Protein backbone atom coordinates (compact mmCIF):
# COMPACT_ATOMS: atom_id res chain seq x y z
CA MET A 1 19.05 -6.53 15.57
CA LYS A 2 18.73 -5.38 19.50
CA SER A 3 21.57 -3.47 18.26
CA ASP A 4 20.15 -1.47 15.56
CA TRP A 5 17.32 -0.12 17.95
CA LEU A 6 19.66 0.95 20.82
CA ALA A 7 21.97 2.58 17.51
CA LEU A 8 18.65 3.95 16.12
CA ALA A 9 17.79 5.45 19.50
CA LEU A 10 21.17 7.06 20.25
CA SER A 11 21.14 8.99 17.00
CA TYR A 12 18.04 10.85 17.37
CA VAL A 13 19.33 11.88 21.31
CA TYR A 14 22.60 12.51 19.49
CA VAL A 15 20.84 15.37 16.78
CA PHE A 16 18.06 16.48 18.96
CA ALA A 17 20.79 17.62 21.25
CA ALA A 18 23.07 18.95 18.54
CA ILE A 19 19.74 20.91 17.74
CA GLY A 20 19.21 22.01 21.30
CA ILE A 21 22.69 23.08 21.76
CA GLY A 22 22.28 24.97 18.60
CA GLU A 23 19.43 26.76 20.23
CA GLY A 24 21.50 27.50 22.94
CA LEU A 25 24.10 28.91 21.21
CA ARG A 26 21.74 31.43 19.43
CA LYS A 27 19.20 32.13 22.11
CA TRP A 28 21.63 32.64 25.15
CA GLN A 29 24.92 32.93 23.14
CA GLY A 30 23.67 35.48 20.91
CA TYR A 31 25.32 33.31 18.13
CA SER A 32 23.79 34.61 14.57
CA THR A 33 21.79 31.01 12.79
CA ASP A 34 24.70 31.23 10.23
CA PHE A 35 26.65 29.65 12.55
CA THR A 36 24.60 27.51 14.43
CA ARG A 37 23.47 26.07 11.41
CA LYS A 38 26.92 25.37 10.35
CA PHE A 39 27.29 23.80 13.86
CA ILE A 40 24.62 21.71 13.59
CA HIS A 41 25.56 20.73 9.59
CA ILE A 42 28.50 19.82 11.19
CA ALA A 43 27.60 17.69 14.27
CA VAL A 44 25.25 15.71 11.98
CA GLY A 45 27.74 15.08 9.21
CA MET A 46 29.96 13.10 11.90
CA TRP A 47 27.15 11.31 12.82
CA SER A 48 27.92 9.30 9.34
CA VAL A 49 30.55 7.62 11.89
CA GLY A 50 28.25 7.05 14.77
CA THR A 51 26.20 5.24 11.73
CA VAL A 52 28.75 2.66 10.33
CA LEU A 53 29.83 1.74 13.88
CA LEU A 54 26.90 1.15 15.25
CA PHE A 55 24.39 0.00 13.08
CA GLU A 56 24.34 -4.10 11.49
CA ASN A 57 21.85 -3.14 8.87
CA TRP A 58 21.32 -0.44 6.54
CA TYR A 59 17.57 -0.13 6.50
CA PHE A 60 17.63 0.68 10.49
CA ALA A 61 20.75 3.46 9.79
CA ALA A 62 18.52 4.98 7.03
CA ILE A 63 15.58 5.57 9.18
CA PRO A 64 17.16 8.64 11.04
CA PRO A 65 18.13 10.34 7.71
CA LEU A 66 15.15 9.49 6.21
CA SER A 67 12.82 11.12 8.84
CA PHE A 68 14.63 13.92 9.12
CA VAL A 69 13.87 15.03 5.84
CA LEU A 70 10.00 15.47 6.79
CA ILE A 71 11.18 16.85 10.45
CA ASN A 72 13.46 19.75 8.53
CA TYR A 73 11.30 20.26 5.66
CA VAL A 74 8.32 20.56 8.83
CA SER A 75 10.98 23.47 10.41
CA TYR A 76 11.73 25.08 7.16
CA ARG A 77 7.73 25.68 6.73
CA ARG A 78 7.32 26.25 10.06
CA GLU A 79 10.55 28.00 11.80
CA THR A 80 10.68 25.33 13.79
CA PHE A 81 14.30 25.15 15.07
CA LYS A 82 15.66 28.85 14.08
CA ALA A 83 18.94 27.74 15.04
CA MET A 84 19.20 25.49 11.70
CA GLU A 85 17.03 27.55 9.03
CA MET A 86 18.01 30.28 6.85
CA GLY A 87 15.98 33.91 6.46
CA GLU A 88 16.04 33.08 2.99
CA LYS A 89 12.87 31.43 1.41
CA GLY A 90 13.97 28.60 -0.79
CA ASN A 91 16.54 27.17 1.03
CA LEU A 92 16.16 23.58 1.45
CA GLY A 93 19.34 22.66 2.35
CA THR A 94 18.29 20.67 4.96
CA VAL A 95 15.84 18.49 3.27
CA TYR A 96 19.00 17.82 0.80
CA PHE A 97 20.91 16.56 3.01
CA PRO A 98 19.64 13.75 4.77
CA ILE A 99 18.49 12.63 1.45
CA SER A 100 21.94 12.42 0.24
CA PHE A 101 22.75 10.93 3.43
CA ALA A 102 20.22 8.09 2.97
CA LEU A 103 20.89 7.74 -0.59
CA ILE A 104 25.22 6.90 0.30
CA ILE A 105 23.63 4.80 3.41
CA TYR A 106 21.92 2.62 0.67
CA PHE A 107 24.04 2.47 -2.12
CA LEU A 108 28.00 2.40 0.13
CA TRP A 109 26.84 0.06 2.90
CA THR A 110 28.85 -2.83 2.09
CA ARG A 111 31.43 -0.46 2.09
CA ARG A 112 31.15 1.35 5.09
CA TYR A 113 34.37 3.34 4.91
CA LEU A 114 32.97 5.54 1.87
CA VAL A 115 29.95 6.34 3.34
CA VAL A 116 31.94 8.40 6.15
CA ALA A 117 34.52 9.82 3.29
CA SER A 118 31.77 10.51 1.20
CA LEU A 119 30.12 13.34 3.32
CA MET A 120 33.45 14.57 4.46
CA PRO A 121 33.17 17.45 2.18
CA MET A 122 29.86 18.53 2.67
CA THR A 123 29.83 18.24 6.49
CA TRP A 124 33.66 20.19 7.17
CA GLY A 125 34.32 21.62 3.92
CA ASP A 126 31.43 23.75 2.85
CA ALA A 127 30.19 24.58 6.74
CA LEU A 128 33.84 26.11 7.22
CA ALA A 129 33.85 27.69 3.99
CA ALA A 130 30.64 29.97 4.55
CA ILE A 131 32.37 30.43 8.31
CA LEU A 132 35.00 31.33 7.63
CA GLY A 133 34.60 33.00 3.54
CA ARG A 134 31.95 34.82 4.33
CA PRO A 135 33.29 37.50 7.15
CA TYR A 136 36.59 36.89 5.48
CA GLY A 137 35.90 36.87 2.32
CA LYS A 138 37.55 39.31 0.08
CA TYR A 139 37.82 38.54 -3.31
CA LYS A 140 34.65 37.73 -4.76
CA TYR A 141 33.32 35.65 -7.94
CA SER A 142 29.78 35.16 -8.91
CA ILE A 143 28.24 31.90 -11.11
CA ARG A 144 24.56 32.45 -12.39
CA GLY A 145 23.46 34.59 -9.57
CA PHE A 146 25.59 33.60 -6.43
CA THR A 147 28.26 35.33 -5.16
CA ARG A 148 30.83 33.07 -3.00
CA SER A 149 34.59 34.39 -1.94
CA LEU A 150 38.17 33.18 -3.25
CA GLU A 151 38.67 32.39 0.68
CA GLY A 152 35.55 30.45 0.97
CA SER A 153 36.61 27.77 -1.85
CA LEU A 154 40.03 27.65 -0.82
CA THR A 155 38.87 26.63 2.51
CA MET A 156 36.27 24.42 1.15
CA PHE A 157 39.13 22.47 -0.56
CA LEU A 158 41.98 21.88 2.18
CA PHE A 159 38.69 20.90 4.80
CA SER A 160 37.34 18.68 2.23
CA TRP A 161 40.84 17.23 1.33
CA LEU A 162 41.89 17.16 5.03
CA ALA A 163 38.21 15.29 6.94
CA THR A 164 38.80 12.64 3.69
CA PHE A 165 41.56 12.29 3.85
CA LEU A 166 40.93 11.27 8.02
CA ALA A 167 38.28 9.40 7.24
CA LEU A 168 39.81 7.11 4.47
CA LEU A 169 42.63 7.05 6.55
CA PHE A 170 40.57 5.98 9.74
CA PHE A 171 38.63 3.48 8.06
CA PRO A 172 40.77 0.07 6.53
CA PRO A 173 40.99 -0.69 3.99
CA LEU A 174 42.75 1.78 1.84
CA GLY A 175 46.46 2.57 3.38
CA TRP A 176 47.85 6.56 3.52
CA GLN A 177 49.27 7.03 0.15
CA LEU A 178 45.82 6.00 -1.83
CA SER A 179 43.72 8.02 1.08
CA LEU A 180 45.81 10.86 0.50
CA LEU A 181 45.40 11.05 -3.48
CA TYR A 182 42.15 9.84 -3.43
CA SER A 183 41.02 12.39 -0.78
CA LEU A 184 42.94 15.12 -3.51
CA ILE A 185 41.08 13.91 -6.34
CA VAL A 186 37.63 14.33 -4.15
CA ALA A 187 38.65 17.74 -2.99
CA VAL A 188 39.23 19.43 -6.01
CA ILE A 189 35.52 17.95 -7.73
CA ALA A 190 34.05 19.25 -4.69
CA THR A 191 35.31 22.62 -4.87
CA ALA A 192 34.28 22.79 -8.19
CA VAL A 193 30.78 21.17 -7.86
CA GLU A 194 30.02 23.42 -4.79
CA ALA A 195 30.97 26.55 -6.83
CA VAL A 196 28.72 26.16 -9.48
CA SER A 197 25.96 24.76 -7.75
CA ILE A 198 22.58 27.19 -7.06
CA TRP A 199 19.57 27.03 -5.20
CA HIS A 200 21.88 24.87 -2.08
CA VAL A 201 21.71 21.89 -3.94
CA ASP A 202 25.28 21.45 -3.47
CA ASN A 203 23.58 19.46 -0.56
CA LEU A 204 22.85 16.87 -3.16
CA THR A 205 25.40 17.19 -5.89
CA VAL A 206 28.71 18.08 -3.35
CA PRO A 207 28.27 14.32 -1.48
CA LEU A 208 26.56 12.05 -3.87
CA LEU A 209 29.43 13.17 -6.43
CA SER A 210 31.85 12.21 -4.13
CA ALA A 211 30.43 9.22 -3.12
CA LEU A 212 30.08 8.45 -6.51
CA LEU A 213 33.83 9.26 -7.20
CA LEU A 214 34.67 7.22 -4.18
CA TYR A 215 33.36 4.31 -5.11
CA LEU A 216 34.94 4.30 -8.47
CA LEU A 217 38.28 5.18 -7.65
CA ALA A 218 37.92 2.85 -4.68
CA ARG A 219 36.95 -0.74 -6.93
């Protein structure tokens, strides 16, 4: 129990530090909010490693993401943390992602190695797809009014696969062969789901479907 309180404190220090760094990059280094938002997104997603290593009980582990559902919604409404907001209204991605995080903790806590892996496609794949796809994407396609690039989708696939593979490899009990196979399957599905998701609900669909798929594969 004592370690849970310490982990809880470290969680807030870590996340607010990431937001602070993002704000610093935006204000003083001139980075765009597109970049700083994805920087914070990656940092928060990687806290899943700290979550499974430091917390003992799932209900403590779920407190930070659940609290950030409210914090991020307030920030969305008032633009409190400009470094993690988009200019377009209706983008509740920063609210959806911690919802996914909390649900994955709840359902997969007894198999913690899947918690981290489930979040990797959204953490690295989606973030780098946006960072690289927007400036360098030449071959565009549109689905239900939302435009993406083939280069971005390829980036999504590659980094979803790599990050998920490393997460499964780092946390036993899977060996490298199953880790490779499962991560490839998840990367394909996550990329396809991201491509057809609209209104930024990919922050829900990608991690939750990745979690379900990994749970079924690793049974």
